[in-house]
N, C-alpha and C. Protein backbone atom coordinates (compact mmCIF):
# COMPACT_ATOMS: atom_id res chain seq x y z
N UNK A 1 -6.64 1.63 51.34
CA UNK A 1 -7.28 0.73 52.26
C UNK A 1 -6.08 -0.13 53.12
N UNK A 2 -6.61 0.27 54.58
CA UNK A 2 -5.06 -0.89 54.98
C UNK A 2 -5.65 -2.27 55.37
N UNK A 3 -4.82 -3.27 55.28
CA UNK A 3 -5.02 -4.49 55.37
C UNK A 3 -5.11 -5.15 57.18
N UNK A 4 -6.61 -5.41 57.36
CA UNK A 4 -7.04 -5.49 58.59
C UNK A 4 -6.12 -6.68 59.25
N UNK A 5 -5.57 -8.02 58.21
CA UNK A 5 -4.95 -8.80 58.54
C UNK A 5 -3.66 -8.77 59.41
N UNK A 6 -2.85 -7.60 58.29
CA UNK A 6 -1.44 -7.55 59.02
C UNK A 6 -1.44 -6.10 59.37
N UNK A 7 -2.41 -5.17 59.17
CA UNK A 7 -1.97 -3.84 59.79
C UNK A 7 -1.25 -2.80 58.78
N UNK A 8 -0.93 -3.55 57.66
CA UNK A 8 -0.27 -2.49 56.71
C UNK A 8 -0.86 -2.26 55.69
N UNK A 9 -0.54 -1.60 54.77
CA UNK A 9 -1.09 -0.70 53.53
C UNK A 9 -0.51 -1.35 52.50
N UNK A 10 -1.30 -1.49 51.43
CA UNK A 10 -1.12 -2.32 50.25
C UNK A 10 -0.14 -1.36 49.54
N UNK A 11 0.68 -1.71 48.63
CA UNK A 11 1.61 -1.15 47.84
C UNK A 11 1.00 -0.06 47.07
N UNK A 12 1.74 1.16 46.92
CA UNK A 12 1.02 2.11 46.01
C UNK A 12 2.23 2.87 45.45
N UNK A 13 1.53 3.25 44.16
CA UNK A 13 2.82 3.64 43.32
C UNK A 13 2.18 5.02 42.46
N UNK A 14 2.76 5.89 42.12
CA UNK A 14 2.64 7.11 41.58
C UNK A 14 3.32 7.27 40.00
N UNK A 15 2.66 8.27 39.27
CA UNK A 15 3.58 8.31 38.18
C UNK A 15 3.22 9.42 37.27
N UNK A 16 4.17 10.31 37.06
CA UNK A 16 3.92 11.67 36.06
C UNK A 16 4.82 11.72 35.02
N UNK A 17 4.42 12.48 33.95
CA UNK A 17 5.19 12.39 32.67
C UNK A 17 6.05 13.85 32.52
N UNK A 18 7.00 13.78 32.12
CA UNK A 18 7.92 14.95 32.13
C UNK A 18 8.00 14.78 30.61
N UNK A 19 7.45 15.90 29.67
CA UNK A 19 7.52 16.12 28.60
C UNK A 19 8.55 16.15 27.81
N UNK A 20 9.94 16.95 28.23
CA UNK A 20 11.01 16.90 27.53
C UNK A 20 11.88 17.21 28.84
N UNK A 21 12.69 16.01 29.56
CA UNK A 21 13.44 15.83 30.37
C UNK A 21 15.08 16.40 29.81
N UNK A 22 15.41 17.66 30.31
CA UNK A 22 16.65 18.09 29.84
C UNK A 22 17.78 17.18 29.88
N UNK A 23 17.48 16.52 30.69
CA UNK A 23 19.21 15.39 31.15
C UNK A 23 19.01 14.41 30.17
N UNK A 24 17.78 14.05 29.42
CA UNK A 24 17.86 13.13 28.70
C UNK A 24 17.38 13.22 27.23
N UNK A 25 16.84 14.51 26.90
CA UNK A 25 16.34 14.99 25.88
C UNK A 25 15.11 13.99 25.00
N UNK A 26 14.38 13.79 26.04
CA UNK A 26 13.22 13.12 25.45
C UNK A 26 12.01 13.24 26.27
N UNK A 27 10.74 12.73 26.07
CA UNK A 27 9.71 12.44 27.17
C UNK A 27 10.23 11.18 28.22
N UNK A 28 9.70 11.59 29.50
CA UNK A 28 9.92 10.72 30.19
C UNK A 28 8.82 10.54 30.79
N UNK A 29 8.41 9.19 31.46
CA UNK A 29 7.78 8.75 32.33
C UNK A 29 8.15 8.47 33.62
N UNK A 30 7.85 8.97 34.90
CA UNK A 30 8.80 8.80 35.99
C UNK A 30 7.47 8.18 37.09
N UNK A 31 8.12 7.42 38.00
CA UNK A 31 7.70 6.45 38.88
C UNK A 31 7.85 6.58 40.46
N UNK A 32 7.27 6.89 41.33
CA UNK A 32 7.48 6.48 42.95
C UNK A 32 6.77 5.36 43.35
N UNK A 33 7.26 4.41 43.80
CA UNK A 33 6.80 3.27 44.16
C UNK A 33 7.05 2.90 46.24
N UNK A 34 5.99 2.81 46.73
CA UNK A 34 6.52 2.43 48.18
C UNK A 34 6.85 1.11 48.50
N UNK A 35 8.13 1.05 48.91
CA UNK A 35 8.94 -0.40 48.79
C UNK A 35 9.26 -0.87 50.50
N UNK A 36 9.77 -1.66 50.76
CA UNK A 36 10.21 -1.96 52.41
C UNK A 36 10.82 -0.75 53.17
N UNK A 37 11.86 -0.07 52.16
CA UNK A 37 12.83 0.50 52.94
C UNK A 37 12.36 2.17 52.84
N UNK A 38 11.27 2.27 52.05
CA UNK A 38 10.65 3.75 51.80
C UNK A 38 10.29 3.95 50.35
N UNK A 39 10.82 4.89 49.38
CA UNK A 39 10.05 5.20 48.20
C UNK A 39 11.42 4.90 47.15
N UNK A 40 10.99 4.08 46.01
CA UNK A 40 11.93 3.76 45.08
C UNK A 40 11.52 4.66 43.60
N UNK A 41 12.57 5.47 43.20
CA UNK A 41 12.14 6.03 41.88
C UNK A 41 12.83 5.38 40.68
N UNK A 42 11.91 5.68 39.79
CA UNK A 42 12.22 5.00 38.37
C UNK A 42 11.90 6.00 37.35
N UNK A 43 12.32 5.40 36.28
CA UNK A 43 11.59 6.11 34.83
C UNK A 43 11.93 5.34 33.72
N UNK A 44 11.11 5.75 32.73
CA UNK A 44 11.19 5.24 31.49
C UNK A 44 11.43 6.17 30.49
N UNK A 45 12.56 6.54 29.69
CA UNK A 45 12.78 7.60 28.49
C UNK A 45 12.40 6.87 27.22
N UNK A 46 11.39 7.91 26.24
CA UNK A 46 10.80 7.43 25.12
C UNK A 46 11.76 7.72 24.03
N UNK A 47 12.91 7.82 24.28
CA UNK A 47 13.92 8.38 22.99
C UNK A 47 14.15 7.16 22.02
N UNK A 48 14.15 7.31 20.91
CA UNK A 48 14.27 6.12 20.04
C UNK A 48 15.45 5.51 19.88
N UNK A 49 16.47 6.33 20.23
CA UNK A 49 18.22 5.72 20.20
C UNK A 49 18.52 5.20 21.54
N UNK A 50 18.17 6.02 22.74
CA UNK A 50 18.64 5.40 23.80
C UNK A 50 17.63 5.44 25.00
N UNK A 51 16.53 5.15 24.68
CA UNK A 51 15.58 5.05 25.63
C UNK A 51 15.31 3.69 26.29
N UNK A 52 14.72 3.57 27.39
CA UNK A 52 14.37 2.46 28.20
C UNK A 52 14.13 2.96 29.53
N UNK A 53 14.20 1.75 30.43
CA UNK A 53 13.85 1.95 31.90
C UNK A 53 15.11 1.98 32.50
N UNK A 54 14.98 2.54 33.64
CA UNK A 54 16.14 3.29 34.23
C UNK A 54 15.98 3.32 35.99
N UNK A 55 16.64 3.50 36.86
CA UNK A 55 16.34 3.83 38.03
C UNK A 55 17.10 5.09 38.40
N UNK A 56 16.14 5.73 38.94
CA UNK A 56 16.64 7.31 39.68
C UNK A 56 17.09 7.28 41.06
N UNK A 57 16.57 6.09 42.03
CA UNK A 57 17.12 6.47 43.07
C UNK A 57 16.13 6.01 44.05
N UNK A 58 16.78 5.84 45.54
CA UNK A 58 15.61 5.51 46.61
C UNK A 58 15.76 6.64 47.87
N UNK A 59 14.85 6.36 48.50
CA UNK A 59 14.83 7.60 49.60
C UNK A 59 13.82 7.08 50.78
N UNK A 60 14.50 6.97 51.96
CA UNK A 60 13.77 6.55 53.14
C UNK A 60 12.39 7.30 53.33
N UNK A 61 11.35 7.01 53.98
CA UNK A 61 10.26 7.59 54.42
C UNK A 61 10.66 8.96 55.25
N UNK A 62 11.56 8.53 55.98
CA UNK A 62 12.08 9.63 56.75
C UNK A 62 12.84 10.90 56.04
N UNK A 63 13.50 10.55 55.25
CA UNK A 63 13.91 11.59 54.03
C UNK A 63 13.01 12.08 53.82
N UNK A 64 12.16 11.89 52.75
CA UNK A 64 10.94 12.48 52.07
C UNK A 64 10.09 13.19 53.07
N UNK A 65 9.65 12.66 54.38
CA UNK A 65 8.75 13.49 54.96
C UNK A 65 9.85 14.67 55.88
N UNK A 66 10.93 14.79 55.43
CA UNK A 66 12.11 15.95 56.13
C UNK A 66 12.29 16.76 54.79
N UNK A 67 12.89 16.08 53.82
CA UNK A 67 13.67 16.93 52.72
C UNK A 67 12.52 16.98 51.59
N UNK A 68 11.52 16.17 51.59
CA UNK A 68 10.54 16.39 50.59
C UNK A 68 11.05 15.56 48.98
N UNK A 69 10.58 15.76 47.97
CA UNK A 69 11.06 14.48 47.04
C UNK A 69 12.44 14.49 46.58
N UNK A 70 12.48 13.32 46.15
CA UNK A 70 14.12 13.26 45.67
C UNK A 70 14.39 13.49 44.09
N UNK A 71 13.55 13.43 43.54
CA UNK A 71 13.21 14.20 42.23
C UNK A 71 12.61 15.35 42.38
N UNK A 72 13.27 16.44 41.71
CA UNK A 72 12.98 17.82 41.91
C UNK A 72 11.68 18.02 40.68
N UNK A 73 11.39 17.19 39.77
CA UNK A 73 10.57 17.29 39.01
C UNK A 73 9.18 16.68 39.10
N UNK A 74 9.01 15.97 40.32
CA UNK A 74 7.56 15.63 40.83
C UNK A 74 6.82 16.89 41.01
N UNK A 75 5.26 16.85 40.24
CA UNK A 75 4.40 17.65 40.65
C UNK A 75 4.00 17.87 42.22
N UNK A 76 3.52 18.94 42.60
CA UNK A 76 3.37 19.30 43.97
C UNK A 76 2.38 18.32 44.32
N UNK A 77 1.18 18.34 43.57
CA UNK A 77 0.12 17.43 43.98
C UNK A 77 0.49 15.92 44.13
N UNK A 78 1.07 15.54 43.29
CA UNK A 78 1.62 14.22 43.87
C UNK A 78 2.66 14.00 45.01
N UNK A 79 3.68 15.01 45.21
CA UNK A 79 4.15 15.34 46.40
C UNK A 79 3.47 15.22 47.76
N UNK A 80 2.26 15.94 47.63
CA UNK A 80 1.19 16.16 49.00
C UNK A 80 0.68 14.52 49.05
N UNK A 81 0.47 14.22 47.81
CA UNK A 81 -0.59 12.59 47.86
C UNK A 81 0.17 11.63 48.86
N UNK A 82 1.70 11.95 48.30
CA UNK A 82 2.41 10.72 48.94
C UNK A 82 2.86 11.11 50.49
N UNK A 83 3.15 12.42 50.71
CA UNK A 83 3.16 12.89 52.24
C UNK A 83 1.83 12.16 52.89
N UNK A 84 0.74 12.47 52.33
CA UNK A 84 -0.33 12.12 52.97
C UNK A 84 -0.55 10.54 53.00
N UNK A 85 -0.11 9.85 52.43
CA UNK A 85 0.05 8.35 52.24
C UNK A 85 0.71 8.07 53.35
N UNK A 86 2.05 8.39 53.33
CA UNK A 86 3.12 8.01 54.33
C UNK A 86 2.64 8.33 55.76
N UNK A 87 1.84 9.47 55.99
CA UNK A 87 1.66 9.91 57.14
C UNK A 87 0.24 9.04 57.99
N UNK A 88 -0.65 8.70 56.72
CA UNK A 88 -1.87 7.83 57.04
C UNK A 88 -1.20 6.48 57.22
N UNK A 89 -0.27 5.83 56.79
CA UNK A 89 0.13 4.28 56.74
C UNK A 89 1.48 4.62 57.19
N UNK A 90 1.95 4.71 58.55
CA UNK A 90 3.09 4.41 58.72
C UNK A 90 3.60 2.98 58.78
N UNK A 91 5.09 2.95 58.97
CA UNK A 91 5.74 1.69 58.54
C UNK A 91 5.61 0.81 59.79
N UNK A 92 5.21 1.13 60.97
CA UNK A 92 4.92 0.29 62.35
C UNK A 92 6.02 0.47 63.19
N UNK A 93 6.92 1.31 62.79
CA UNK A 93 8.11 1.29 63.56
C UNK A 93 9.43 1.25 62.79
N UNK A 94 10.46 1.86 63.11
CA UNK A 94 11.80 1.92 62.22
C UNK A 94 12.90 1.66 63.22
N UNK A 95 13.92 1.10 62.61
CA UNK A 95 15.22 1.16 63.06
C UNK A 95 16.18 2.10 62.16
N UNK A 96 17.32 1.98 62.66
CA UNK A 96 18.34 2.82 61.79
C UNK A 96 19.52 1.90 61.36
N UNK A 97 19.72 2.15 59.87
CA UNK A 97 20.77 1.14 59.37
C UNK A 97 21.81 2.02 58.55
N UNK A 98 23.25 1.78 59.23
CA UNK A 98 24.51 1.97 58.21
C UNK A 98 25.22 1.31 58.06
N UNK A 99 25.47 1.28 56.59
CA UNK A 99 26.43 0.44 56.15
C UNK A 99 27.90 1.24 55.77
N UNK A 100 28.63 0.21 56.15
CA UNK A 100 30.30 0.96 55.80
C UNK A 100 31.29 -0.24 55.01
N UNK A 101 31.89 0.41 54.26
CA UNK A 101 32.79 -0.30 53.65
C UNK A 101 34.37 0.29 54.30
N UNK A 102 34.92 -1.04 54.55
CA UNK A 102 36.63 -0.85 54.76
C UNK A 102 37.65 -1.15 53.59
N UNK A 103 38.54 -0.52 53.73
CA UNK A 103 39.51 -0.58 52.64
C UNK A 103 40.90 -0.69 53.40
N UNK A 104 41.35 -1.72 52.84
CA UNK A 104 42.56 -2.04 53.80
C UNK A 104 43.61 -1.30 53.65
N UNK A 105 43.93 -0.56 51.92
CA UNK A 105 44.68 0.27 51.83
C UNK A 105 44.30 1.45 50.96
N UNK A 106 43.53 2.40 51.43
CA UNK A 106 43.00 3.46 51.22
C UNK A 106 43.81 4.46 50.24
N UNK A 107 45.09 4.41 50.64
CA UNK A 107 46.22 5.00 49.84
C UNK A 107 46.28 4.39 48.20
N UNK A 108 45.84 3.19 47.99
CA UNK A 108 46.11 2.60 46.60
C UNK A 108 44.88 2.31 46.00
N UNK A 109 43.98 2.36 47.17
CA UNK A 109 42.59 2.07 46.26
C UNK A 109 41.26 2.62 46.96
N UNK A 110 40.08 3.17 46.06
CA UNK A 110 38.86 3.76 46.61
C UNK A 110 37.94 3.55 46.02
N UNK A 111 36.88 3.97 46.84
CA UNK A 111 35.39 3.44 46.15
C UNK A 111 35.02 4.55 45.10
N UNK A 112 34.91 3.59 44.09
CA UNK A 112 34.43 4.18 42.95
C UNK A 112 32.80 4.07 42.76
N UNK A 113 32.40 3.07 43.18
CA UNK A 113 30.69 2.79 43.32
C UNK A 113 30.41 2.12 44.26
N UNK A 114 29.37 2.09 44.73
CA UNK A 114 28.53 1.03 45.53
C UNK A 114 27.02 0.94 45.52
N UNK A 115 26.80 -0.53 44.84
CA UNK A 115 25.30 -0.36 44.89
C UNK A 115 24.70 -1.26 45.79
N UNK A 116 23.80 -1.06 46.42
CA UNK A 116 22.89 -2.00 47.56
C UNK A 116 21.67 -2.31 47.10
N UNK A 117 21.11 -3.46 47.69
CA UNK A 117 19.83 -3.76 47.50
C UNK A 117 19.18 -4.15 49.30
N UNK A 118 17.89 -4.10 49.13
CA UNK A 118 17.14 -4.75 50.47
C UNK A 118 16.04 -5.16 50.21
N UNK A 119 15.92 -6.74 50.46
CA UNK A 119 14.57 -7.11 49.72
C UNK A 119 14.58 -7.26 48.42
N UNK A 120 15.39 -6.96 47.62
CA UNK A 120 15.44 -6.76 46.35
C UNK A 120 15.00 -5.68 45.69
N UNK A 121 14.77 -4.55 46.49
CA UNK A 121 14.75 -3.28 45.81
C UNK A 121 16.10 -2.72 46.15
N UNK A 122 16.13 -1.49 45.16
CA UNK A 122 17.32 -0.73 44.92
C UNK A 122 17.35 0.34 45.89
N UNK A 123 18.48 0.35 46.99
CA UNK A 123 18.87 1.00 48.06
C UNK A 123 20.10 1.84 47.45
N UNK A 124 19.64 3.60 47.71
CA UNK A 124 20.88 4.36 47.17
C UNK A 124 21.46 4.59 48.16
N UNK A 125 22.93 4.48 47.77
CA UNK A 125 23.76 4.88 48.66
C UNK A 125 24.73 6.28 48.30
N UNK A 126 25.00 6.67 49.25
CA UNK A 126 25.68 8.18 49.38
C UNK A 126 26.90 8.06 50.05
N UNK A 127 27.90 7.58 49.32
CA UNK A 127 29.31 7.55 50.18
C UNK A 127 29.65 9.16 50.67
N UNK A 128 29.89 8.86 52.22
CA UNK A 128 30.60 10.12 52.60
C UNK A 128 32.00 10.70 52.23
N UNK A 129 32.71 9.41 52.23
CA UNK A 129 33.98 9.56 52.05
C UNK A 129 34.15 8.33 50.84
N UNK A 130 35.33 8.57 50.04
CA UNK A 130 35.79 7.14 49.21
C UNK A 130 37.22 6.73 49.25
N UNK A 131 38.07 7.42 50.26
CA UNK A 131 39.08 7.28 50.25
C UNK A 131 39.98 7.02 51.93
N UNK A 132 39.05 6.43 52.63
CA UNK A 132 39.14 6.18 54.28
C UNK A 132 39.27 4.96 54.72
N UNK A 133 39.83 4.76 55.61
CA UNK A 133 39.95 3.27 55.97
C UNK A 133 38.46 2.82 56.18
N UNK A 134 37.84 3.62 56.72
CA UNK A 134 36.21 2.96 56.83
C UNK A 134 35.20 4.08 56.29
N UNK A 135 34.26 3.63 55.36
CA UNK A 135 33.59 4.83 54.51
C UNK A 135 32.08 4.45 54.50
N UNK A 136 31.05 5.24 55.54
CA UNK A 136 29.62 5.19 55.52
C UNK A 136 29.40 5.47 54.25
N UNK A 137 28.84 4.34 53.25
CA UNK A 137 27.88 4.28 52.36
C UNK A 137 26.25 4.81 52.34
N UNK A 138 25.99 4.13 53.63
CA UNK A 138 24.08 4.44 53.66
C UNK A 138 24.19 4.73 55.19
N UNK A 139 23.30 5.57 55.61
CA UNK A 139 22.41 5.74 57.07
C UNK A 139 21.08 6.40 56.79
N UNK A 140 20.44 5.67 57.15
CA UNK A 140 19.00 6.04 57.39
C UNK A 140 18.25 4.78 58.17
N UNK A 141 16.69 5.18 57.92
CA UNK A 141 15.48 4.46 58.83
C UNK A 141 15.26 3.39 57.70
N UNK A 142 14.97 2.39 58.35
CA UNK A 142 14.50 1.27 57.61
C UNK A 142 13.09 0.60 58.44
N UNK A 143 12.10 -0.10 57.80
CA UNK A 143 11.13 -0.92 58.79
C UNK A 143 11.73 -1.79 59.79
N UNK A 144 11.18 -2.04 60.80
CA UNK A 144 11.70 -3.06 61.72
C UNK A 144 11.17 -4.00 61.26
N UNK A 145 11.88 -5.30 61.68
CA UNK A 145 11.74 -6.68 61.01
C UNK A 145 12.79 -7.46 60.06
N UNK A 146 12.60 -8.51 59.82
CA UNK A 146 13.51 -9.12 58.85
C UNK A 146 13.76 -8.57 57.33
N UNK A 147 15.25 -8.35 57.29
CA UNK A 147 15.52 -7.82 55.55
C UNK A 147 16.76 -8.62 55.13
N UNK A 148 16.87 -8.54 53.76
CA UNK A 148 17.77 -9.40 53.17
C UNK A 148 18.75 -7.95 52.74
N UNK A 149 19.83 -8.00 52.85
CA UNK A 149 20.77 -6.77 52.09
C UNK A 149 21.32 -7.51 51.00
N UNK A 150 21.79 -6.97 49.89
CA UNK A 150 22.92 -7.21 48.90
C UNK A 150 23.57 -5.93 48.77
N UNK A 151 24.89 -6.24 48.29
CA UNK A 151 25.93 -4.98 48.05
C UNK A 151 26.86 -5.70 46.96
N UNK A 152 27.24 -4.49 46.15
CA UNK A 152 28.25 -4.92 45.08
C UNK A 152 29.37 -3.55 45.38
N UNK A 153 30.62 -3.86 45.13
CA UNK A 153 31.30 -2.77 45.22
C UNK A 153 32.34 -2.69 44.12
N UNK A 154 32.49 -1.30 43.96
CA UNK A 154 33.65 -1.16 42.87
C UNK A 154 34.63 -0.71 43.31
N UNK A 155 35.98 -0.71 43.15
CA UNK A 155 37.14 0.28 43.60
C UNK A 155 37.51 0.44 42.35
N UNK A 156 38.58 1.97 42.53
CA UNK A 156 39.35 2.09 41.63
C UNK A 156 40.99 2.09 42.45
N UNK A 157 41.73 2.30 41.45
CA UNK A 157 43.10 2.48 42.11
C UNK A 157 44.42 1.17 41.41
N UNK A 158 44.89 0.66 42.22
CA UNK A 158 45.81 -0.46 41.65
C UNK A 158 45.37 -2.05 42.32
N UNK A 159 44.65 -2.71 41.48
CA UNK A 159 43.97 -2.38 40.19
C UNK A 159 42.61 -2.09 40.68
N UNK A 160 41.83 -1.77 39.66
CA UNK A 160 40.26 -1.49 39.96
C UNK A 160 39.50 -3.13 39.99
N UNK A 161 38.79 -3.04 40.84
CA UNK A 161 38.07 -4.32 41.13
C UNK A 161 36.71 -4.38 41.30
N UNK A 162 35.94 -4.96 41.16
CA UNK A 162 34.51 -5.25 41.57
C UNK A 162 34.30 -6.50 42.48
N UNK A 163 33.80 -6.14 43.55
CA UNK A 163 33.62 -7.23 44.61
C UNK A 163 31.65 -7.25 44.70
N UNK A 164 31.48 -8.48 44.78
CA UNK A 164 29.99 -8.91 45.23
C UNK A 164 30.26 -9.30 46.99
N UNK A 165 29.59 -8.84 47.73
CA UNK A 165 29.30 -9.08 48.94
C UNK A 165 28.06 -10.03 49.21
N UNK A 166 28.42 -11.40 50.10
CA UNK A 166 27.42 -12.14 49.96
C UNK A 166 26.14 -11.98 50.60
N UNK A 167 24.77 -11.96 50.32
CA UNK A 167 23.70 -11.54 50.92
C UNK A 167 23.68 -11.78 52.54
N UNK A 168 23.11 -10.68 52.86
CA UNK A 168 23.19 -10.78 54.87
C UNK A 168 21.59 -10.75 55.02
N UNK A 169 21.35 -11.31 56.01
CA UNK A 169 20.01 -11.29 56.78
C UNK A 169 19.95 -10.65 57.94
N UNK A 170 19.31 -9.57 58.04
CA UNK A 170 19.37 -8.67 59.47
C UNK A 170 17.83 -8.74 59.80
N UNK A 171 17.58 -8.29 61.27
CA UNK A 171 16.34 -8.44 61.81
C UNK A 171 16.69 -6.99 62.77
N UNK A 172 15.92 -6.11 62.25
CA UNK A 172 15.66 -5.04 63.03
C UNK A 172 14.73 -4.87 64.21
N UNK A 173 15.36 -4.22 65.23
CA UNK A 173 14.09 -3.91 66.42
C UNK A 173 14.09 -2.50 66.40
N UNK A 174 12.80 -2.05 67.26
CA UNK A 174 12.29 -0.76 67.17
C UNK A 174 13.35 0.22 68.04
N UNK A 175 13.61 1.38 67.36
CA UNK A 175 14.89 2.57 67.60
C UNK A 175 16.23 1.96 67.82
N UNK A 176 16.70 0.77 67.18
CA UNK A 176 17.75 -0.38 67.06
C UNK A 176 18.52 0.44 66.17
N UNK A 177 19.80 0.71 66.27
CA UNK A 177 20.99 1.18 65.20
C UNK A 177 21.67 -0.40 64.83
N UNK A 178 21.37 -0.40 63.52
CA UNK A 178 22.00 -1.79 63.06
C UNK A 178 23.02 -0.86 62.38
N UNK A 179 24.61 -1.51 62.78
CA UNK A 179 25.86 -1.12 62.36
C UNK A 179 26.48 -2.53 61.05
N UNK A 180 26.81 -2.22 60.23
CA UNK A 180 27.13 -3.14 59.28
C UNK A 180 28.37 -2.90 58.57
N UNK A 181 29.46 -3.64 58.37
CA UNK A 181 30.69 -3.11 57.82
C UNK A 181 31.26 -4.47 56.74
N UNK A 182 31.51 -4.05 55.62
CA UNK A 182 31.85 -5.11 54.80
C UNK A 182 33.39 -4.68 54.43
N UNK A 183 34.25 -5.59 53.77
CA UNK A 183 35.25 -5.45 53.29
C UNK A 183 35.91 -6.15 52.04
N UNK A 184 36.44 -5.48 51.04
CA UNK A 184 36.79 -6.34 49.90
C UNK A 184 38.07 -6.93 50.16
N UNK A 185 38.10 -8.24 49.92
CA UNK A 185 39.47 -9.19 49.98
C UNK A 185 40.39 -8.76 49.07
N UNK A 186 41.57 -9.70 48.92
CA UNK A 186 42.70 -9.53 48.52
C UNK A 186 42.58 -9.93 46.79
N UNK A 187 41.55 -10.82 46.91
CA UNK A 187 41.28 -11.70 45.57
C UNK A 187 40.15 -11.03 44.99
N UNK A 188 40.15 -10.87 43.61
CA UNK A 188 39.01 -9.92 42.74
C UNK A 188 37.93 -10.91 43.02
N UNK A 189 36.72 -9.84 43.21
CA UNK A 189 35.36 -10.64 43.68
C UNK A 189 35.42 -11.12 45.02
N UNK A 190 36.32 -11.08 45.61
CA UNK A 190 35.91 -11.40 47.03
C UNK A 190 35.90 -10.63 47.85
N UNK A 191 34.37 -10.52 48.74
CA UNK A 191 34.28 -9.74 49.91
C UNK A 191 33.55 -10.30 50.93
N UNK A 192 33.77 -9.53 52.00
CA UNK A 192 33.12 -10.26 53.47
C UNK A 192 32.60 -9.38 54.24
N UNK A 193 31.61 -9.69 54.97
CA UNK A 193 31.11 -8.80 56.04
C UNK A 193 32.07 -8.89 56.98
N UNK A 194 32.62 -7.79 57.83
CA UNK A 194 33.55 -7.78 59.07
C UNK A 194 33.20 -8.55 60.28
N UNK A 195 31.90 -8.39 60.56
CA UNK A 195 31.26 -8.90 61.85
C UNK A 195 30.88 -10.16 61.53
N UNK A 196 30.75 -10.59 60.78
CA UNK A 196 29.77 -11.95 60.25
C UNK A 196 30.53 -13.02 60.86
């Protein structure tokens, strides 16, 4: 049911069980939840030795409607229910977000991992390159409005480092493209937004 005050739909979450996930060798409960930037996939493995909760990834609404579920084990009836929900409750407009990581000496260090969040929810990054002067790590549609972005970068090479980028507030307008670039500094842990 749509909230008549805000015009937005309430959060929605789906769950299904995989009796024996071949990747984890155990029974797994998997979840998909509507979050501000699309869909968040999580799981809970019930193995007595290494079980527990984990994040599978995230997907924009645009990606789901175009490509289908991120997780191939999602039952067809749940995928159909999510598709119907997303079409019935559109986000109210989208803008495009592109995130880049700039490397000063790509011949000496390269991206090993990039973790991102938006409004406290995990945002799956998919680096297109890892050893260029500028590497695009995310490109997708997000709802218009104000959002808080968080970013952590791990580089490999000489030497390996972890960098935490300060939180960044953005305000996306309909059909706008937000292009943001950050850069690890020369000091361990130091990173900054290039255009800030």
